[in-house]
């Protein structure tokens, strides 16, 4: 039986992979190997590996790598620790293929170890562009190390091909996170409020703001601009989900905690809501605010406005429900007001998802199961018309 090893390092990424894990686990011809790392193993980020086990997925290996530092030096050292750990894990598990998703540094480390171990790599969500974050370089690097590619839009498929990957190995399957929206029974408003012990009020914002890893300005300064903007909506209730472990993430989480402590009547914060509660939140809030990809990919399925702050998601395919704005409090306030306006609500009524309609996991599982792996490690650079023209011009 083909052994498929799936790597996950964060709560958000695991949520996206959930239905693919189920598909592999329930296929009698496949063996699921699950490796957890990064924030899953950190008490500070909620020890979310425990939720994975509760969901019925046995964990085959845990790769400890997250040091108690989110400085560039600390993260680089974490990557070094992780690379050693993945080397040992892949030597022991000997999978037939390794599946990774996205663009975080712990995922790049897993891909590096698999590449050196000569294990084929399947990469989900390649070809995307996030110009304001180091994720951009990590994502494209993983693409060049990978052998099968599953993209969320045709635009992203063409970009992966532009990077030199053969079209026969690049599959436009849609965004896998949308499978949750189709398959999970979400909570109604009353159930959701009870689950988080918080009332949504007449108006509620869902706020997720991550560090800008390529900015010359501290993300702490930008976080303060966001909090100042939220002060301009004193009647709005706020649900914060905390930032990830990138540089400044801990300081930003501390600022959120202090803000919630000063606004207990209208604000609450979570390290992780989990998939059911997070998607239920998208269903019931009035505006999604921040710089998370979920505001661009999942929120449009619920016809909710997304105020997308700054450059972190610059380059992504965006639908009409996305309102881009700068980092200043004034720009954020104006964008939120636009999202709440009756005119924009009319726009939302006709929004369609640009990332598919779900049912992506079965398509990915089928390809993982049937793809020929013999000879797959040898990759030739696929020349696009542009590359061919450039070479002729040189001659």
Protein backbone atom coordinates (compact mmCIF):
# COMPACT_ATOMS: atom_id res chain seq x y z
CA UNK A 1 0.00 0.00 0.00
CA UNK A 2 1.19 3.51 -0.79
CA UNK A 3 2.33 5.38 2.32
CA UNK A 4 1.34 9.04 2.24
CA UNK A 5 2.96 11.23 4.88
CA UNK A 6 1.18 14.51 5.64
CA UNK A 7 3.02 17.25 7.56
CA UNK A 8 1.20 19.93 9.55
CA UNK A 9 2.67 22.71 11.67
CA UNK A 10 -0.19 25.07 12.54
CA UNK A 11 -3.85 25.10 13.50
CA UNK A 12 -4.91 26.87 10.31
CA UNK A 13 -3.03 24.49 8.05
CA UNK A 14 -4.40 21.42 9.83
CA UNK A 15 -7.90 22.78 9.34
CA UNK A 16 -7.29 22.97 5.61
CA UNK A 17 -5.87 19.44 5.50
CA UNK A 18 -8.60 17.81 7.60
CA UNK A 19 -10.72 16.35 4.81
CA UNK A 20 -7.70 15.18 2.86
CA UNK A 21 -6.52 13.34 5.97
CA UNK A 22 -9.97 11.71 6.21
CA UNK A 23 -9.89 10.71 2.56
CA UNK A 24 -6.49 9.07 2.91
CA UNK A 25 -7.30 7.44 6.25
CA UNK A 26 -10.50 5.86 4.92
CA UNK A 27 -8.93 4.48 1.72
CA UNK A 28 -8.06 0.80 2.16
CA UNK A 29 -5.30 1.07 -0.44
CA UNK A 30 -3.45 3.87 1.35
CA UNK A 31 -1.56 4.27 4.62
CA UNK A 32 -1.75 7.68 6.30
CA UNK A 33 1.36 8.83 8.13
CA UNK A 34 0.86 12.05 10.07
CA UNK A 35 3.71 14.24 11.31
CA UNK A 36 3.03 17.29 13.49
CA UNK A 37 5.47 20.08 14.27
CA UNK A 38 5.73 23.81 14.96
CA UNK A 39 2.92 25.53 16.82
CA UNK A 40 0.95 22.30 17.32
CA UNK A 41 3.44 21.28 20.02
CA UNK A 42 3.63 24.62 21.85
CA UNK A 43 1.60 25.35 25.02
CA UNK A 44 1.72 29.02 24.05
CA UNK A 45 -0.21 28.24 20.86
CA UNK A 46 -2.69 25.89 22.47
CA UNK A 47 -1.08 22.42 22.12
CA UNK A 48 -3.32 21.89 19.12
CA UNK A 49 -1.89 18.43 18.41
CA UNK A 50 -4.36 17.28 21.08
CA UNK A 51 -7.26 18.34 18.86
CA UNK A 52 -5.77 16.32 16.00
CA UNK A 53 -5.79 13.24 18.21
CA UNK A 54 -9.36 13.96 19.35
CA UNK A 55 -10.37 14.10 15.70
CA UNK A 56 -9.25 10.49 15.34
CA UNK A 57 -5.91 10.91 13.57
CA UNK A 58 -3.05 8.94 15.16
CA UNK A 59 0.19 10.96 15.10
CA UNK A 60 3.13 8.99 13.76
CA UNK A 61 5.78 11.52 14.73
CA UNK A 62 6.21 14.85 16.51
CA UNK A 63 9.04 17.11 15.41
CA UNK A 64 9.83 19.61 18.18
CA UNK A 65 11.37 22.72 16.66
CA UNK A 66 9.73 25.87 18.02
CA UNK A 67 12.10 27.77 20.31
CA UNK A 68 10.73 30.36 22.74
CA UNK A 69 11.79 33.23 20.50
CA UNK A 70 10.18 34.87 17.49
CA UNK A 71 13.22 36.92 16.49
CA UNK A 72 14.75 36.23 13.07
CA UNK A 73 17.68 34.48 14.77
CA UNK A 74 15.34 32.40 16.93
CA UNK A 75 13.24 31.30 13.96
CA UNK A 76 16.35 30.42 11.95
CA UNK A 77 17.58 28.27 14.83
CA UNK A 78 14.12 26.64 15.05
CA UNK A 79 14.44 25.73 11.37
CA UNK A 80 17.78 24.09 12.04
CA UNK A 81 16.35 22.02 14.88
CA UNK A 82 13.40 21.06 12.68
CA UNK A 83 15.61 19.94 9.80
CA UNK A 84 17.41 17.50 12.08
CA UNK A 85 14.10 16.19 13.41
CA UNK A 86 12.56 15.65 9.98
CA UNK A 87 15.67 13.84 8.79
CA UNK A 88 15.18 11.26 11.55
CA UNK A 89 11.42 10.99 11.02
CA UNK A 90 11.61 10.37 7.27
CA UNK A 91 14.40 7.83 7.79
CA UNK A 92 12.11 5.94 10.18
CA UNK A 93 8.77 6.27 8.37
CA UNK A 94 10.08 5.89 4.80
CA UNK A 95 6.94 7.29 3.13
CA UNK A 96 6.24 6.96 -0.59
CA UNK A 97 5.23 10.59 -0.83
CA UNK A 98 5.23 13.62 1.51
CA UNK A 99 2.32 16.08 1.39
CA UNK A 100 2.84 19.70 2.49
CA UNK A 101 0.63 22.77 2.30
CA UNK A 102 1.43 26.43 2.00
CA UNK A 103 4.34 28.62 2.81
CA UNK A 104 5.45 28.56 6.44
CA UNK A 105 9.08 28.05 7.44
CA UNK A 106 8.44 24.73 9.21
CA UNK A 107 6.91 23.39 6.00
CA UNK A 108 9.95 24.45 3.98
CA UNK A 109 12.13 22.55 6.47
CA UNK A 110 10.01 19.41 5.97
CA UNK A 111 10.30 19.79 2.19
CA UNK A 112 14.07 20.20 2.41
CA UNK A 113 14.43 17.01 4.44
CA UNK A 114 12.17 15.07 2.06
CA UNK A 115 14.07 16.36 -0.97
CA UNK A 116 17.43 15.21 0.42
CA UNK A 117 15.87 11.87 1.40
CA UNK A 118 14.69 11.52 -2.23
CA UNK A 119 11.03 11.29 -1.28
CA UNK A 120 8.52 12.76 -3.80
CA UNK A 121 6.77 15.87 -2.50
CA UNK A 122 3.20 16.98 -3.20
CA UNK A 123 2.56 20.69 -2.54
CA UNK A 124 -0.83 22.33 -1.98
CA UNK A 125 -1.52 26.05 -2.53
CA UNK A 126 1.53 26.78 -4.64
CA UNK A 127 1.72 29.55 -7.21
CA UNK A 128 0.17 32.15 -4.93
CA UNK A 129 1.64 35.55 -4.24
CA UNK A 130 1.93 37.35 -0.90
CA UNK A 131 4.32 40.19 -1.59
CA UNK A 132 4.38 41.56 1.95
CA UNK A 133 5.67 38.41 3.62
CA UNK A 134 8.66 36.10 3.50
CA UNK A 135 6.06 33.42 2.75
CA UNK A 136 6.35 34.44 -0.91
CA UNK A 137 9.92 33.18 -1.21
CA UNK A 138 9.23 30.11 0.92
CA UNK A 139 6.22 29.10 -1.17
CA UNK A 140 8.08 29.32 -4.48
CA UNK A 141 11.05 27.48 -2.97
CA UNK A 142 8.79 24.61 -1.93
CA UNK A 143 7.36 24.56 -5.46
CA UNK A 144 10.83 23.97 -6.90
CA UNK A 145 11.42 21.13 -4.44
CA UNK A 146 8.06 19.49 -5.16
CA UNK A 147 6.95 16.99 -7.80
CA UNK A 148 3.14 17.21 -7.74
CA UNK A 149 1.32 20.52 -7.41
CA UNK A 150 -2.28 21.27 -6.40
CA UNK A 151 -3.33 24.88 -6.96
CA UNK A 152 -6.37 26.83 -5.84
CA UNK A 153 -6.99 28.74 -9.09
CA UNK A 154 -6.00 28.45 -12.75
CA UNK A 155 -3.99 31.67 -12.39
CA UNK A 156 -1.89 29.99 -9.70
CA UNK A 157 -1.53 26.88 -11.86
CA UNK A 158 -0.08 28.98 -14.66
CA UNK A 159 2.33 30.62 -12.22
CA UNK A 160 3.63 27.24 -11.05
CA UNK A 161 4.18 26.30 -14.69
CA UNK A 162 5.94 29.63 -15.19
CA UNK A 163 8.32 28.52 -12.42
CA UNK A 164 9.35 25.65 -14.69
CA UNK A 165 7.08 22.85 -13.46
CA UNK A 166 5.64 20.53 -16.11
CA UNK A 167 1.91 21.13 -16.78
CA UNK A 168 1.19 17.40 -16.46
CA UNK A 169 2.17 17.59 -12.80
CA UNK A 170 0.25 20.77 -11.93
CA UNK A 171 -3.43 20.37 -11.05
CA UNK A 172 -6.01 23.13 -10.56
CA UNK A 173 -8.26 21.62 -7.88
CA UNK A 174 -9.58 24.65 -5.98
CA UNK A 175 -9.00 25.72 -2.37
CA UNK A 176 -9.14 22.72 -0.07
CA UNK A 177 -10.39 24.82 2.85
CA UNK A 178 -13.76 25.23 1.15
CA UNK A 179 -14.49 21.52 1.71
CA UNK A 180 -15.20 22.39 5.35
CA UNK A 181 -17.92 24.83 4.39
CA UNK A 182 -19.68 22.14 2.36
CA UNK A 183 -19.26 19.29 4.84
CA UNK A 184 -19.18 20.64 8.40
CA UNK A 185 -22.39 21.29 10.33
CA UNK A 186 -21.83 24.87 11.45
CA UNK A 187 -23.21 26.42 14.63
CA UNK A 188 -26.22 28.71 14.59
CA UNK A 189 -25.81 32.11 16.23
CA UNK A 190 -27.01 30.99 19.66
CA UNK A 191 -24.84 27.86 19.63
CA UNK A 192 -21.82 29.84 18.53
CA UNK A 193 -22.25 32.49 21.23
CA UNK A 194 -22.55 29.77 23.85
CA UNK A 195 -19.46 27.97 22.52
CA UNK A 196 -17.27 31.07 22.98
CA UNK A 197 -19.11 32.48 26.04
CA UNK A 198 -19.54 35.79 24.25
CA UNK A 199 -22.44 37.69 22.73
CA UNK A 200 -22.00 39.01 19.20
CA UNK A 201 -24.14 42.09 19.78
CA UNK A 202 -25.80 44.09 17.03
CA UNK A 203 -22.54 44.29 15.07
CA UNK A 204 -19.45 42.07 15.27
CA UNK A 205 -16.01 41.99 13.63
CA UNK A 206 -13.72 38.97 13.27
CA UNK A 207 -10.12 40.21 13.51
CA UNK A 208 -7.01 38.24 12.49
CA UNK A 209 -3.81 40.20 11.94
CA UNK A 210 -0.44 38.50 11.34
CA UNK A 211 3.08 40.00 11.32
CA UNK A 212 4.49 41.55 8.15
CA UNK A 213 7.76 39.68 7.84
CA UNK A 214 9.24 41.86 5.07
CA UNK A 215 8.24 45.29 6.34
CA UNK A 216 10.83 47.82 7.50
CA UNK A 217 8.27 49.01 10.06
CA UNK A 218 7.60 46.92 13.16
CA UNK A 219 4.36 44.95 12.98
CA UNK A 220 3.72 46.14 16.54
CA UNK A 221 3.28 49.68 15.19
CA UNK A 222 0.82 48.45 12.58
CA UNK A 223 -1.03 46.45 15.23
CA UNK A 224 -1.51 49.63 17.23
CA UNK A 225 -2.97 51.36 14.17
CA UNK A 226 -5.49 48.52 13.86
CA UNK A 227 -6.48 48.72 17.54
CA UNK A 228 -6.86 52.49 17.25
CA UNK A 229 -9.16 51.95 14.26
CA UNK A 230 -11.29 49.46 16.16
CA UNK A 231 -11.74 52.06 18.91
CA UNK A 232 -13.68 54.12 16.36
CA UNK A 233 -16.43 51.49 16.43
CA UNK A 234 -17.27 51.41 20.16
CA UNK A 235 -20.57 49.61 19.60
CA UNK A 236 -19.02 46.76 17.64
CA UNK A 237 -18.13 43.52 19.40
CA UNK A 238 -14.76 42.03 18.46
CA UNK A 239 -13.51 38.46 18.13
CA UNK A 240 -9.71 38.27 17.83
CA UNK A 241 -7.80 35.21 16.70
CA UNK A 242 -4.15 35.61 17.66
CA UNK A 243 -1.21 35.89 15.26
CA UNK A 244 1.17 33.08 14.36
CA UNK A 245 4.75 32.56 15.51
CA UNK A 246 6.43 34.88 12.99
CA UNK A 247 8.64 37.77 14.22
CA UNK A 248 6.71 40.14 16.52
CA UNK A 249 3.88 37.60 16.87
CA UNK A 250 4.25 37.29 20.63
CA UNK A 251 4.30 41.06 21.16
CA UNK A 252 1.20 41.44 19.00
CA UNK A 253 -0.59 38.71 20.98
CA UNK A 254 0.28 40.56 24.20
CA UNK A 255 -1.23 43.76 22.76
CA UNK A 256 -4.42 41.89 21.93
CA UNK A 257 -4.63 40.50 25.46
CA UNK A 258 -4.19 43.98 26.92
CA UNK A 259 -6.84 45.40 24.58
CA UNK A 260 -9.32 42.67 25.49
CA UNK A 261 -8.64 43.19 29.20
CA UNK A 262 -9.51 46.89 28.78
CA UNK A 263 -12.64 46.12 26.69
CA UNK A 264 -14.09 43.00 28.33
CA UNK A 265 -17.67 43.96 27.51
CA UNK A 266 -17.09 43.93 23.77
CA UNK A 267 -13.94 41.96 22.97
CA UNK A 268 -12.65 38.41 23.28
CA UNK A 269 -9.50 36.67 21.99
CA UNK A 270 -8.58 33.08 21.12
CA UNK A 271 -5.35 31.33 20.25
CA UNK A 272 -7.44 28.97 18.14
CA UNK A 273 -11.17 28.76 17.49
CA UNK A 274 -10.93 25.45 15.64
CA UNK A 275 -12.54 24.93 12.26
CA UNK A 276 -16.19 24.63 13.29
CA UNK A 277 -16.16 27.72 15.46
CA UNK A 278 -14.00 29.73 13.05
CA UNK A 279 -16.24 29.04 10.07
CA UNK A 280 -19.30 29.63 12.24
CA UNK A 281 -17.80 33.00 13.15
CA UNK A 282 -17.43 33.83 9.45
CA UNK A 283 -21.09 32.99 9.03
CA UNK A 284 -22.31 35.31 11.81
CA UNK A 285 -19.98 38.33 11.93
CA UNK A 286 -20.52 41.48 9.92
CA UNK A 287 -16.97 42.16 8.72
CA UNK A 288 -13.69 40.23 8.57
CA UNK A 289 -10.73 42.50 9.39
CA UNK A 290 -7.00 41.80 9.12
CA UNK A 291 -4.52 40.25 6.71
CA UNK A 292 -5.27 36.53 6.80
CA UNK A 293 -5.77 34.50 3.64
CA UNK A 294 -9.04 33.17 5.08
CA UNK A 295 -10.59 36.58 4.51
CA UNK A 296 -9.80 36.22 0.82
CA UNK A 297 -10.54 32.51 0.30
CA UNK A 298 -13.20 31.43 2.82
CA UNK A 299 -15.05 34.64 3.74
CA UNK A 300 -16.45 35.23 0.21
CA UNK A 301 -18.28 31.88 0.45
CA UNK A 302 -20.35 33.47 3.24
CA UNK A 303 -20.77 36.72 1.28
CA UNK A 304 -19.01 38.68 3.99
CA UNK A 305 -16.92 41.83 3.42
CA UNK A 306 -13.20 41.50 4.10
CA UNK A 307 -11.08 44.49 5.04
CA UNK A 308 -7.65 43.35 3.85
CA UNK A 309 -4.99 45.47 5.55
CA UNK A 310 -1.62 46.22 4.04
CA UNK A 311 0.61 44.26 1.70
CA UNK A 312 0.72 40.80 3.30
CA UNK A 313 -1.80 39.36 0.83
CA UNK A 314 -0.83 41.59 -2.09
CA UNK A 315 -0.73 39.49 -5.24
CA UNK A 316 -3.49 37.05 -4.35
CA UNK A 317 -6.51 36.57 -6.62
CA UNK A 318 -9.29 38.61 -4.96
CA UNK A 319 -13.01 38.85 -5.53
CA UNK A 320 -15.23 41.96 -5.21
CA UNK A 321 -15.94 41.28 -1.53
CA UNK A 322 -12.33 42.21 -0.64
CA UNK A 323 -11.62 45.81 0.35
CA UNK A 324 -7.87 46.54 0.27
CA UNK A 325 -6.60 49.34 2.48
CA UNK A 326 -3.40 50.74 3.96
CA UNK A 327 -2.06 50.25 7.48
CA UNK A 328 -3.11 53.59 8.99
CA UNK A 329 -6.04 53.71 11.39
CA UNK A 330 -7.82 56.23 9.16
CA UNK A 331 -7.61 53.94 6.12
CA UNK A 332 -8.81 50.96 8.14
CA UNK A 333 -11.76 52.92 9.54
CA UNK A 334 -12.81 54.03 6.06
CA UNK A 335 -12.56 50.49 4.72
CA UNK A 336 -14.71 49.08 7.53
CA UNK A 337 -17.31 51.78 6.94
CA UNK A 338 -17.34 50.85 3.25
CA UNK A 339 -17.85 47.17 4.08
CA UNK A 340 -20.79 48.01 6.33
CA UNK A 341 -22.44 50.36 3.83
CA UNK A 342 -25.74 49.39 2.16
CA UNK A 343 -24.16 49.85 -1.28
CA UNK A 344 -21.43 47.32 -0.53
CA UNK A 345 -23.97 44.88 0.91
CA UNK A 346 -25.60 44.90 -2.52
CA UNK A 347 -22.23 44.00 -4.06
CA UNK A 348 -21.88 41.07 -1.67
CA UNK A 349 -25.19 39.58 -2.73
CA UNK A 350 -23.76 38.77 -6.16
CA UNK A 351 -20.30 37.56 -5.05
CA UNK A 352 -19.04 34.19 -6.24
CA UNK A 353 -16.06 32.24 -4.97
CA UNK A 354 -12.96 32.43 -7.17
CA UNK A 355 -11.46 29.41 -5.41
CA UNK A 356 -13.92 26.67 -6.32
CA UNK A 357 -16.89 25.28 -4.45
CA UNK A 358 -15.34 22.58 -2.28
CA UNK A 359 -14.98 18.82 -2.84
CA UNK A 360 -11.26 19.34 -3.43
CA UNK A 361 -9.91 16.70 -1.04
CA UNK A 362 -11.25 13.68 -3.01
CA UNK A 363 -9.66 15.01 -6.20
CA UNK A 364 -6.27 15.42 -4.50
CA UNK A 365 -6.49 11.99 -2.87
CA UNK A 366 -7.22 10.34 -6.22
CA UNK A 367 -4.13 11.90 -7.81
CA UNK A 368 -1.93 11.02 -4.84
CA UNK A 369 -3.18 7.45 -5.08
CA UNK A 370 -2.81 6.97 -8.82
CA UNK A 371 0.16 9.15 -9.81
CA UNK A 372 3.17 7.24 -11.14
CA UNK A 373 6.07 7.81 -8.75
CA UNK A 374 8.77 5.88 -10.60
CA UNK A 375 11.08 8.42 -12.19
CA UNK A 376 9.19 11.36 -10.66
CA UNK A 377 12.24 12.65 -8.79
CA UNK A 378 13.95 13.58 -12.04
CA UNK A 379 12.58 16.96 -13.14
CA UNK A 380 13.40 18.89 -16.26
CA UNK A 381 12.74 22.63 -16.33
CA UNK A 382 9.61 23.23 -18.41
CA UNK A 383 10.22 26.09 -20.82
CA UNK A 384 7.29 28.43 -21.32
CA UNK A 385 6.95 30.47 -24.51
CA UNK A 386 8.49 33.43 -22.69
CA UNK A 387 11.53 31.38 -21.67
CA UNK A 388 11.92 30.04 -25.21
CA UNK A 389 11.74 33.56 -26.68
CA UNK A 390 14.32 34.84 -24.22
CA UNK A 391 16.77 32.05 -25.09
CA UNK A 392 16.37 32.73 -28.83
CA UNK A 393 16.94 36.43 -28.24
CA UNK A 394 20.20 35.69 -26.43
CA UNK A 395 21.40 33.68 -29.41
